[in-house]
Amino acid sequence: MAKHMHIYNQQKSYYKSGQTRPLQHRLAALNYLKDSIKRHEPEVIMALHQDLNKSEFESYMTEIGILYSEIDYTIKHLKKWMIPKKVKTALTHVGTKGKIYPDPYGVTLIIAPWNYPFQLAMAPLIGAIAGGNTAIVKPSELTPHTAEVIEKIITDAFIPEFIAVKQGGVDVSQQLLDTPFDYIFFTGSVNVGKIVMEKASKHLTPHTLELGGKSPGIVHEDASLKLAAKRIAWGKFINAGQTCVAPDYVYVHQDVKDDFLTYLTDAIEELYSHQPLENPDYTHIVSDKHFDRLTHFLDDGTLFYGGDTNKETRTIAPTVLTDITWDMPVMAEEIFGPILPVLTYESLDFIIDDITKQPKPLALYLFTETAYTREKVIAEIPFGGGCINDTIYHLATPHLPFGGVGQSGTGNYHGKFSFDTFTHHKSILKQTTMFDVPLRYPNQKAGLKWVKILMK
C-alpha cells in the first residue's frame, strides 16, 4: 500500500508541475509508447499465446496492430484537438467571447480486463496521454505473462512519475479504487463495474465503464445468409467467444433458419477446421472457473453443432445450440465463450419486444437488405453501438465512439473520443470592458421589460 501511495503522490506532483500539458510532451510520449511496443512485439505475441493460446495472426489483428493505428491517428490529429474551440455569442451576451478548453483531469487509473489484456490496457492509455494526464495501469492478474510485458513496455518508455504499472489481484484493485484518482477507466464485467462505480462515488470521481451484456444478432429473412453466417461465426468465435462485443445469441427468421444453420456450420469448419480442439491456433478459455461455468451451458436446448471440450487445455469447440428459451441458464447471463444460442422469430415486432425487455446491450448486429428493417431496429432498440451486415468491426474505426449504455457501460472512447474522455471541457466566457450592458442590474428602470424581451 505504501509503495502504491508513493507512486500516486509522485504522479500528483508531476502533473502539478505542468510537464504533461504541452503538445510536444504528449506527442513524444505517444511515440515512446509505440516504439516500446514495437521493440517488445515478439514478447507480447508470446505472452498472449502463453495466457490464452492466441495465434500470432489474432494477436496482431486484435491486440497490437489496432494500437499502432490508434497511436498514429492520435498523433496526426492531436494538435487540432487541443485547440480551444470557439463558440457562438448569444444575443444576450453581446461583447463576450466563448471558448471551450480541453483540460486534463490529472492522475488517472486504468483497470484492464483479461480477454484482450494488452489492447484494452494500452488503448485507454493512449487517450490518457493525449489528454495530458498521468496514469497508473492495473493489468489483469488472470493473464500474468501479458501483465509482465505490459509493465516492461511501460517501464522502458516512461518514468513512474508519469506512467506506472501496478500488478496484483483483487486486493490491489481495492486499494487503488480507495485512492482519490482524478479519473477512472475500467473495462470488465457488469458486477465488478458496479463495485468500481460505488468506489468512485465516495470521491465523486468521474469514470468510464466499458462493460458488456448479451449482445444480440438478428438475421432477417432478406439477409445475405452465407455472408451473415460467416461474419457471425467470425465475430462469435474469435478469441473463443471471450469478447465483450461478440454476438451473444442470434435471432434468425424462421423462414431462413435451416439455410442459415447450414451456412453457419460450413463457416465454422472453414475458419477452425473439423477438429477445432486440435487446432493449434484456437484460443483457450482463460481459467478453470470460466471453463466450468461455460460447460454447464452445454446442457441447454438442443446441441446442434460442436459441444466437444477438453478440460486439460481449457478448450471448448465452437458450439451452436437450438431450441433455446429465455428461461434457460445460457440466456440468463452474458456467455463470454464459444457457445451460440440460435432462436427463431416470425415478426420483427416480437423480437424487438423480447430484446428491449433485457438490459441494454453493448452491441447489436442486424443482417438485412431492407432500409425499413434497418431504421426500425436502430430506432426501437437501445444499445451501445453495432453493425449492419457485420459484427465487431464498428469498434476498430477511430471515427466512431465505442461504449455502452445502461448496464453495458457508461462513456466511450477511440480516436478523438478517447481524447474527449480523458479531458474535462472547461467553458470560459471572456467579457468586454469597453462597455457595460446595464439591463442585467436590478436598479434599472424598465429593466424587467427589456430582460423579458431579450430572454423570451
Protein backbone atom coordinates (compact mmCIF):
# COMPACT_ATOMS: atom_id res chain seq x y z
CA MET A 1 0.00 0.00 0.00
CA ALA A 2 2.81 2.40 0.88
CA LYS A 3 4.50 1.85 -2.50
CA HIS A 4 1.24 2.41 -4.34
CA MET A 5 0.61 5.69 -2.50
CA HIS A 6 4.20 6.75 -3.16
CA ILE A 7 3.69 6.39 -6.93
CA TYR A 8 0.31 8.13 -6.71
CA ASN A 9 1.82 11.08 -4.83
CA GLN A 10 4.73 11.24 -7.28
CA GLN A 11 2.27 11.45 -10.16
CA LYS A 12 0.29 14.16 -8.36
CA SER A 13 3.46 16.24 -8.11
CA TYR A 14 4.50 15.51 -11.68
CA TYR A 15 1.09 16.54 -13.00
CA LYS A 16 1.07 19.74 -10.93
CA SER A 17 4.46 20.64 -12.41
CA GLY A 18 2.71 21.10 -15.77
CA GLN A 19 5.04 18.81 -17.71
CA THR A 20 2.26 16.63 -19.14
CA ARG A 21 0.38 19.53 -20.72
CA PRO A 22 2.47 20.74 -23.69
CA LEU A 23 1.70 19.27 -27.12
CA GLN A 24 5.30 18.19 -27.64
CA HIS A 25 5.34 16.21 -24.40
CA ARG A 26 2.18 14.36 -25.40
CA LEU A 27 3.42 13.64 -28.92
CA ALA A 28 6.79 12.44 -27.63
CA ALA A 29 5.09 10.16 -25.10
CA LEU A 30 2.86 8.61 -27.75
CA ASN A 31 5.90 7.96 -29.94
CA TYR A 32 7.77 6.45 -26.98
CA LEU A 33 4.82 4.14 -26.35
CA LYS A 34 4.64 3.00 -29.97
CA ASP A 35 8.41 2.44 -30.16
CA SER A 36 8.38 0.43 -26.95
CA ILE A 37 5.51 -1.75 -28.16
CA LYS A 38 7.38 -2.38 -31.42
CA ARG A 39 10.55 -3.38 -29.56
CA HIS A 40 8.64 -5.83 -27.40
CA GLU A 41 6.17 -7.03 -30.04
CA PRO A 42 7.52 -10.62 -30.13
CA GLU A 43 7.22 -10.79 -26.33
CA VAL A 44 3.62 -9.55 -26.48
CA ILE A 45 2.76 -12.24 -29.02
CA MET A 46 4.43 -14.91 -26.90
CA ALA A 47 2.71 -13.73 -23.72
CA LEU A 48 -0.74 -13.78 -25.36
CA HIS A 49 0.00 -17.29 -26.58
CA GLN A 50 1.03 -18.39 -23.08
CA ASP A 51 -2.00 -16.82 -21.39
CA LEU A 52 -4.75 -17.55 -23.95
CA ASN A 53 -3.13 -19.59 -26.74
CA LYS A 54 -3.77 -16.74 -29.15
CA SER A 55 -2.25 -17.13 -32.57
CA GLU A 56 0.19 -14.57 -33.94
CA PHE A 57 -2.40 -13.53 -36.54
CA GLU A 58 -5.15 -12.97 -33.98
CA SER A 59 -2.78 -11.26 -31.55
CA TYR A 60 -1.57 -8.79 -34.14
CA MET A 61 -5.01 -8.09 -35.60
CA THR A 62 -6.93 -7.66 -32.35
CA GLU A 63 -4.30 -6.58 -29.83
CA ILE A 64 -1.28 -4.94 -31.48
CA GLY A 65 -1.96 -3.57 -34.97
CA ILE A 66 -5.08 -1.76 -33.79
CA LEU A 67 -2.91 0.13 -31.28
CA TYR A 68 -0.42 1.27 -33.91
CA SER A 69 -3.32 2.67 -35.95
CA GLU A 70 -4.78 4.39 -32.89
CA ILE A 71 -1.48 5.99 -31.92
CA ASP A 72 -0.80 7.21 -35.47
CA TYR A 73 -4.30 8.68 -35.76
CA THR A 74 -3.95 10.43 -32.41
CA ILE A 75 -0.54 11.88 -33.25
CA LYS A 76 -1.85 13.20 -36.58
CA HIS A 77 -4.85 15.00 -35.07
CA LEU A 78 -3.80 15.86 -31.51
CA LYS A 79 -2.70 19.45 -32.21
CA LYS A 80 -6.14 20.26 -33.63
CA TRP A 81 -7.95 18.55 -30.76
CA MET A 82 -6.04 20.61 -28.18
CA ILE A 83 -7.02 23.99 -29.67
CA PRO A 84 -9.73 25.67 -27.57
CA LYS A 85 -12.98 25.63 -29.52
CA LYS A 86 -14.69 28.96 -30.22
CA VAL A 87 -18.47 29.06 -29.77
CA LYS A 88 -21.14 31.47 -30.97
CA THR A 89 -22.18 34.51 -28.98
CA ALA A 90 -25.79 34.69 -27.82
CA LEU A 91 -27.79 37.89 -28.35
CA THR A 92 -27.95 38.34 -24.59
CA HIS A 93 -24.14 38.17 -24.38
CA VAL A 94 -23.09 40.90 -26.81
CA GLY A 95 -19.47 41.85 -26.19
CA THR A 96 -18.39 38.42 -24.97
CA LYS A 97 -16.34 35.63 -26.50
CA GLY A 98 -16.79 31.99 -25.52
CA LYS A 99 -14.33 29.14 -25.76
CA ILE A 100 -14.23 25.51 -24.61
CA TYR A 101 -10.85 24.38 -23.28
CA PRO A 102 -9.98 20.66 -23.18
CA ASP A 103 -8.45 20.37 -19.72
CA PRO A 104 -6.61 17.27 -18.41
CA TYR A 105 -8.15 15.55 -15.40
CA GLY A 106 -4.85 14.81 -13.64
CA VAL A 107 -3.87 11.42 -12.21
CA THR A 108 -5.86 8.64 -13.85
CA LEU A 109 -6.39 4.94 -13.16
CA ILE A 110 -6.83 2.36 -15.93
CA ILE A 111 -8.04 -1.11 -14.94
CA ALA A 112 -7.72 -3.63 -17.79
CA PRO A 113 -9.51 -6.96 -18.33
CA TRP A 114 -8.13 -10.39 -19.26
CA ASN A 115 -9.89 -11.11 -22.57
CA TYR A 116 -7.88 -8.63 -24.66
CA PRO A 117 -5.33 -7.96 -21.93
CA PHE A 118 -2.84 -5.98 -23.99
CA GLN A 119 -5.07 -3.91 -26.25
CA LEU A 120 -7.55 -2.96 -23.53
CA ALA A 121 -4.76 -1.76 -21.26
CA MET A 122 -2.97 0.28 -23.92
CA ALA A 123 -5.91 1.79 -25.84
CA PRO A 124 -7.20 3.83 -22.87
CA LEU A 125 -3.60 4.79 -22.05
CA ILE A 126 -3.31 6.42 -25.49
CA GLY A 127 -6.28 8.62 -24.56
CA ALA A 128 -4.88 9.42 -21.11
CA ILE A 129 -1.54 10.53 -22.58
CA ALA A 130 -3.19 12.50 -25.39
CA GLY A 131 -5.37 14.25 -22.82
CA GLY A 132 -2.33 15.44 -20.85
CA ASN A 133 -2.75 13.19 -17.80
CA THR A 134 -0.58 10.82 -15.83
CA ALA A 135 -1.73 7.21 -15.42
CA ILE A 136 -1.41 4.11 -13.29
CA VAL A 137 -2.28 0.95 -15.25
CA LYS A 138 -3.60 -2.14 -13.47
CA PRO A 139 -3.34 -5.21 -15.77
CA SER A 140 -5.39 -8.34 -15.18
CA GLU A 141 -3.88 -10.92 -12.87
CA LEU A 142 -5.60 -13.68 -14.90
CA THR A 143 -3.16 -13.09 -17.78
CA PRO A 144 0.13 -12.81 -15.88
CA HIS A 145 2.54 -13.17 -18.82
CA THR A 146 0.87 -10.32 -20.68
CA ALA A 147 0.81 -8.24 -17.49
CA GLU A 148 4.59 -8.67 -17.16
CA VAL A 149 5.18 -7.50 -20.73
CA ILE A 150 2.88 -4.50 -20.21
CA GLU A 151 4.97 -3.50 -17.20
CA LYS A 152 8.19 -3.96 -19.17
CA ILE A 153 6.91 -1.84 -22.10
CA ILE A 154 5.74 0.98 -19.85
CA THR A 155 8.86 0.89 -17.64
CA ASP A 156 11.08 1.08 -20.72
CA ALA A 157 9.16 4.04 -22.15
CA PHE A 158 8.26 6.21 -19.14
CA ILE A 159 9.30 7.35 -15.71
CA PRO A 160 6.87 6.14 -12.99
CA GLU A 161 6.02 9.73 -12.06
CA PHE A 162 4.30 9.90 -15.45
CA ILE A 163 3.07 6.38 -16.31
CA ALA A 164 3.32 3.39 -13.98
CA VAL A 165 2.02 -0.18 -13.69
CA LYS A 166 0.61 -1.74 -10.55
CA GLN A 167 0.41 -5.54 -10.54
CA GLY A 168 -1.74 -7.66 -8.27
CA GLY A 169 -5.10 -9.25 -7.63
CA VAL A 170 -8.39 -8.10 -6.19
CA ASP A 171 -6.75 -6.66 -3.07
CA VAL A 172 -4.60 -4.34 -5.18
CA SER A 173 -7.63 -3.23 -7.20
CA GLN A 174 -9.44 -2.43 -3.95
CA GLN A 175 -6.51 -0.34 -2.72
CA LEU A 176 -6.35 1.58 -5.99
CA LEU A 177 -10.10 2.20 -6.01
CA ASP A 178 -9.90 3.60 -2.47
CA THR A 179 -7.46 6.24 -3.76
CA PRO A 180 -8.84 9.63 -4.88
CA PHE A 181 -7.85 9.46 -8.55
CA ASP A 182 -8.97 12.26 -10.84
CA TYR A 183 -10.41 9.80 -13.39
CA ILE A 184 -11.03 6.04 -13.55
CA PHE A 185 -11.28 3.99 -16.73
CA PHE A 186 -12.50 0.43 -16.16
CA THR A 187 -13.08 -2.41 -18.61
CA GLY A 188 -14.62 -5.62 -17.30
CA SER A 189 -17.76 -7.32 -16.07
CA VAL A 190 -21.01 -5.68 -15.04
CA ASN A 191 -20.69 -6.95 -11.46
CA VAL A 192 -17.21 -5.51 -10.98
CA GLY A 193 -18.28 -2.36 -12.81
CA LYS A 194 -20.87 -1.77 -10.09
CA ILE A 195 -18.14 -2.00 -7.45
CA VAL A 196 -15.98 0.47 -9.38
CA MET A 197 -18.88 2.91 -9.64
CA GLU A 198 -19.60 2.56 -5.92
CA LYS A 199 -15.96 3.20 -5.04
CA ALA A 200 -15.77 6.16 -7.43
CA SER A 201 -18.84 7.69 -5.82
CA LYS A 202 -17.04 8.05 -2.48
CA HIS A 203 -14.67 10.58 -4.04
CA LEU A 204 -17.13 11.72 -6.73
CA THR A 205 -14.54 10.57 -9.26
CA PRO A 206 -15.60 10.80 -12.93
CA HIS A 207 -15.26 7.48 -14.69
CA THR A 208 -15.79 5.40 -17.81
CA LEU A 209 -17.15 1.87 -17.52
CA GLU A 210 -16.74 -0.42 -20.52
CA LEU A 211 -18.83 -3.45 -19.59
CA GLY A 212 -20.77 -5.99 -21.67
CA GLY A 213 -24.06 -7.85 -21.70
CA LYS A 214 -25.99 -10.09 -24.03
CA SER A 215 -25.43 -8.52 -27.44
CA PRO A 216 -27.95 -9.86 -29.97
CA GLY A 217 -27.57 -10.72 -33.62
CA ILE A 218 -30.61 -10.59 -35.90
CA VAL A 219 -30.73 -12.40 -39.23
CA HIS A 220 -33.78 -11.17 -41.12
CA GLU A 221 -35.47 -13.11 -43.90
CA ASP A 222 -33.91 -10.91 -46.60
CA ALA A 223 -30.33 -11.22 -45.29
CA SER A 224 -27.42 -12.39 -47.41
CA LEU A 225 -27.32 -15.67 -45.49
CA LYS A 226 -23.94 -17.11 -46.43
CA LEU A 227 -22.13 -13.85 -45.68
CA ALA A 228 -24.17 -13.34 -42.49
CA ALA A 229 -23.22 -16.82 -41.27
CA LYS A 230 -19.52 -16.27 -41.97
CA ARG A 231 -19.39 -12.87 -40.28
CA ILE A 232 -21.36 -14.09 -37.25
CA ALA A 233 -19.08 -17.14 -36.92
CA TRP A 234 -16.04 -14.88 -37.08
CA GLY A 235 -17.40 -12.36 -34.57
CA LYS A 236 -18.66 -15.00 -32.16
CA PHE A 237 -15.76 -17.43 -32.08
CA ILE A 238 -12.76 -15.13 -32.39
CA ASN A 239 -10.86 -15.28 -29.08
CA ALA A 240 -13.06 -18.33 -28.28
CA GLY A 241 -16.04 -16.04 -27.75
CA GLN A 242 -14.29 -14.10 -24.97
CA THR A 243 -15.15 -10.74 -26.49
CA CYS A 244 -17.40 -8.15 -24.86
CA VAL A 245 -18.97 -7.24 -28.22
CA ALA A 246 -19.32 -10.78 -29.55
CA PRO A 247 -22.85 -11.68 -30.69
CA ASP A 248 -24.10 -13.41 -27.55
CA TYR A 249 -27.08 -15.02 -29.26
CA VAL A 250 -28.76 -14.83 -32.66
CA TYR A 251 -32.40 -14.43 -33.64
CA VAL A 252 -32.97 -15.95 -37.10
CA HIS A 253 -36.19 -15.56 -39.11
CA GLN A 254 -37.90 -18.95 -39.16
CA ASP A 255 -38.14 -18.98 -42.97
CA VAL A 256 -34.34 -18.97 -43.34
CA LYS A 257 -33.29 -20.82 -40.16
CA ASP A 258 -32.33 -24.12 -41.81
CA ASP A 259 -30.31 -22.50 -44.57
CA PHE A 260 -28.59 -20.19 -42.09
CA LEU A 261 -27.59 -23.07 -39.82
CA THR A 262 -26.13 -24.96 -42.78
CA TYR A 263 -24.06 -21.93 -43.80
CA LEU A 264 -23.06 -21.37 -40.17
CA THR A 265 -21.62 -24.86 -39.70
CA ASP A 266 -19.79 -24.54 -43.03
CA ALA A 267 -18.30 -21.23 -41.90
CA ILE A 268 -17.17 -22.63 -38.53
CA GLU A 269 -15.40 -25.54 -40.19
CA GLU A 270 -13.82 -23.25 -42.76
CA LEU A 271 -12.48 -20.96 -40.03
CA TYR A 272 -11.49 -23.50 -37.37
CA SER A 273 -11.35 -26.90 -39.18
CA HIS A 274 -13.38 -30.05 -38.50
CA GLN A 275 -11.44 -30.63 -35.28
CA PRO A 276 -11.02 -27.20 -33.62
CA LEU A 277 -9.78 -28.65 -30.33
CA GLU A 278 -6.72 -29.89 -32.22
CA ASN A 279 -6.24 -26.57 -34.00
CA PRO A 280 -3.03 -25.07 -32.52
CA ASP A 281 -4.29 -21.55 -33.18
CA TYR A 282 -7.63 -21.92 -31.39
CA THR A 283 -7.85 -19.72 -28.28
CA HIS A 284 -8.19 -21.31 -24.84
CA ILE A 285 -10.61 -20.35 -22.07
CA VAL A 286 -8.80 -18.14 -19.57
CA SER A 287 -9.30 -20.19 -16.37
CA ASP A 288 -10.81 -23.37 -14.92
CA LYS A 289 -13.54 -21.32 -13.28
CA HIS A 290 -14.67 -19.86 -16.59
CA PHE A 291 -14.33 -23.23 -18.33
CA ASP A 292 -16.59 -24.92 -15.76
CA ARG A 293 -19.16 -22.14 -15.97
CA LEU A 294 -19.35 -22.43 -19.76
CA THR A 295 -19.62 -26.22 -19.91
CA HIS A 296 -22.78 -26.09 -17.80
CA PHE A 297 -24.48 -24.19 -20.64
CA LEU A 298 -23.98 -27.14 -22.99
CA ASP A 299 -26.95 -28.92 -21.41
CA ASP A 300 -29.39 -26.21 -22.51
CA GLY A 301 -31.67 -26.65 -25.52
CA THR A 302 -30.55 -28.94 -28.34
CA LEU A 303 -26.89 -29.39 -29.25
CA PHE A 304 -26.93 -28.63 -32.98
CA TYR A 305 -23.20 -28.42 -33.60
CA GLY A 306 -19.95 -28.75 -31.63
CA GLY A 307 -20.04 -29.30 -27.88
CA ASP A 308 -16.65 -31.00 -27.60
CA THR A 309 -14.47 -29.93 -24.68
CA ASN A 310 -11.00 -30.55 -23.27
CA LYS A 311 -10.62 -29.60 -19.63
CA GLU A 312 -6.85 -30.13 -19.63
CA THR A 313 -6.31 -27.47 -22.31
CA ARG A 314 -9.42 -25.47 -21.31
CA THR A 315 -10.84 -25.54 -24.82
CA ILE A 316 -14.47 -25.66 -25.95
CA ALA A 317 -15.25 -26.22 -29.61
CA PRO A 318 -17.40 -23.64 -31.43
CA THR A 319 -20.89 -24.71 -30.40
CA VAL A 320 -24.37 -23.95 -31.70
CA LEU A 321 -27.46 -24.54 -29.54
CA THR A 322 -31.04 -24.54 -30.86
CA ASP A 323 -34.49 -24.84 -29.21
CA ILE A 324 -33.42 -22.17 -26.74
CA THR A 325 -35.80 -20.21 -24.48
CA TRP A 326 -35.17 -17.22 -22.25
CA ASP A 327 -35.72 -19.20 -19.04
CA MET A 328 -32.60 -21.34 -19.65
CA PRO A 329 -29.33 -20.61 -17.80
CA VAL A 330 -27.48 -19.86 -21.06
CA MET A 331 -29.80 -16.88 -21.58
CA ALA A 332 -29.59 -15.61 -18.01
CA GLU A 333 -26.14 -14.03 -18.28
CA GLU A 334 -23.51 -12.97 -20.78
CA ILE A 335 -22.00 -16.18 -22.18
CA PHE A 336 -18.48 -14.90 -22.90
CA GLY A 337 -17.44 -18.11 -24.58
CA PRO A 338 -17.76 -20.10 -27.84
CA ILE A 339 -21.39 -21.09 -27.38
CA LEU A 340 -24.01 -19.56 -29.69
CA PRO A 341 -27.73 -19.95 -28.90
CA VAL A 342 -29.93 -19.64 -32.00
CA LEU A 343 -33.53 -18.56 -31.55
CA THR A 344 -36.19 -18.06 -34.23
CA TYR A 345 -38.87 -15.46 -34.88
CA GLU A 346 -41.69 -14.65 -37.26
CA SER A 347 -42.27 -10.97 -36.54
CA LEU A 348 -39.75 -8.16 -36.15
CA ASP A 349 -42.01 -6.58 -33.53
CA PHE A 350 -41.80 -9.79 -31.49
CA ILE A 351 -38.02 -9.76 -31.18
CA ILE A 352 -37.87 -6.01 -30.63
CA ASP A 353 -40.17 -6.56 -27.67
CA ASP A 354 -38.06 -9.51 -26.45
CA ILE A 355 -34.74 -7.70 -26.72
CA THR A 356 -35.96 -4.49 -25.11
CA LYS A 357 -37.14 -6.45 -22.07
CA GLN A 358 -33.48 -7.22 -21.35
CA PRO A 359 -30.79 -4.81 -20.06
CA LYS A 360 -29.44 -2.56 -22.81
CA PRO A 361 -26.68 -4.49 -24.63
CA LEU A 362 -23.23 -3.24 -25.56
CA ALA A 363 -23.70 -4.15 -29.24
CA LEU A 364 -26.31 -5.26 -31.77
CA TYR A 365 -25.81 -6.82 -35.20
CA LEU A 366 -28.55 -6.76 -37.81
CA PHE A 367 -28.36 -8.58 -41.14
CA THR A 368 -30.84 -7.23 -43.66
CA GLU A 369 -31.04 -5.66 -47.10
CA THR A 370 -34.07 -3.50 -46.26
CA ALA A 371 -33.82 0.13 -45.17
CA TYR A 372 -37.13 -0.08 -43.32
CA THR A 373 -35.92 -3.00 -41.18
CA ARG A 374 -32.62 -1.29 -40.51
CA GLU A 375 -34.15 2.00 -39.39
CA LYS A 376 -36.84 0.31 -37.29
CA VAL A 377 -34.31 -1.73 -35.31
CA ILE A 378 -31.95 1.23 -34.83
CA ALA A 379 -34.80 3.45 -33.66
CA GLU A 380 -36.58 1.00 -31.35
CA ILE A 381 -33.79 -0.98 -29.65
CA PRO A 382 -31.34 0.82 -27.34
CA PHE A 383 -27.74 -0.47 -27.44
CA GLY A 384 -24.20 0.87 -27.25
CA GLY A 385 -23.26 0.53 -30.91
CA GLY A 386 -23.18 -2.09 -33.62
CA CYS A 387 -23.13 -3.05 -37.27
CA ILE A 388 -25.48 -3.61 -40.16
CA ASN A 389 -24.43 -6.76 -42.07
CA ASP A 390 -21.31 -7.30 -39.97
CA THR A 391 -20.08 -7.97 -36.43
CA ILE A 392 -17.47 -6.29 -34.18
CA TYR A 393 -15.97 -4.09 -36.94
CA HIS A 394 -17.52 -0.91 -35.54
CA LEU A 395 -15.03 -0.81 -32.66
CA ALA A 396 -12.00 -0.77 -34.99
CA THR A 397 -12.56 2.68 -36.50
CA PRO A 398 -11.33 5.85 -34.75
CA HIS A 399 -14.22 7.80 -36.28
CA LEU A 400 -16.92 6.09 -34.18
CA PRO A 401 -17.24 6.26 -30.39
CA PHE A 402 -17.16 2.87 -28.69
CA GLY A 403 -19.05 2.35 -25.45
CA GLY A 404 -22.17 1.03 -23.78
CA VAL A 405 -25.39 2.35 -22.32
CA GLY A 406 -27.13 1.45 -19.08
CA GLN A 407 -25.84 -1.85 -17.73
CA SER A 408 -23.46 -2.27 -20.68
CA GLY A 409 -21.45 0.75 -19.61
CA THR A 410 -21.09 4.49 -19.47
CA GLY A 411 -18.83 6.74 -21.54
CA ASN A 412 -16.95 5.94 -24.73
CA TYR A 413 -13.56 6.14 -26.40
CA HIS A 414 -11.42 5.53 -29.57
CA GLY A 415 -9.93 8.27 -31.74
CA LYS A 416 -10.93 11.77 -30.65
CA PHE A 417 -13.48 10.24 -28.31
CA SER A 418 -10.56 8.89 -26.21
CA PHE A 419 -9.13 12.40 -26.01
CA ASP A 420 -12.52 13.78 -25.03
CA THR A 421 -12.98 11.06 -22.39
CA PHE A 422 -9.70 11.95 -20.68
CA THR A 423 -10.26 15.72 -20.74
CA HIS A 424 -12.73 17.98 -18.98
CA HIS A 425 -14.31 20.50 -21.34
CA LYS A 426 -13.85 23.74 -19.44
CA SER A 427 -16.16 26.59 -20.51
CA ILE A 428 -14.71 30.11 -20.47
CA LEU A 429 -16.59 33.36 -21.17
CA LYS A 430 -14.42 36.45 -21.81
CA GLN A 431 -16.36 39.64 -21.15
CA THR A 432 -15.53 43.03 -22.67
CA THR A 433 -14.57 46.02 -20.52
CA MET A 434 -15.21 48.51 -23.36
CA PHE A 435 -18.84 48.89 -22.34
CA ASP A 436 -21.36 47.50 -19.87
CA VAL A 437 -24.94 46.45 -20.52
CA PRO A 438 -26.98 47.93 -17.63
CA LEU A 439 -30.13 45.88 -18.20
CA ARG A 440 -28.98 42.97 -16.03
CA TYR A 441 -28.71 45.16 -12.94
CA PRO A 442 -31.80 45.36 -10.68
CA ASN A 443 -31.75 49.17 -10.26
CA GLN A 444 -32.53 49.92 -13.93
CA LYS A 445 -35.91 51.36 -14.85
CA ALA A 446 -37.80 49.20 -17.34
CA GLY A 447 -35.06 46.60 -16.84
CA LEU A 448 -37.51 43.73 -16.39
CA LYS A 449 -39.34 44.71 -19.57
CA TRP A 450 -36.17 44.51 -21.67
CA VAL A 451 -34.98 41.33 -19.98
CA LYS A 452 -38.26 39.66 -20.90
CA ILE A 453 -37.93 40.83 -24.50
CA LEU A 454 -34.36 39.56 -24.82
CA MET A 455 -34.92 36.29 -22.99
CA LYS A 456 -38.34 35.25 -24.28
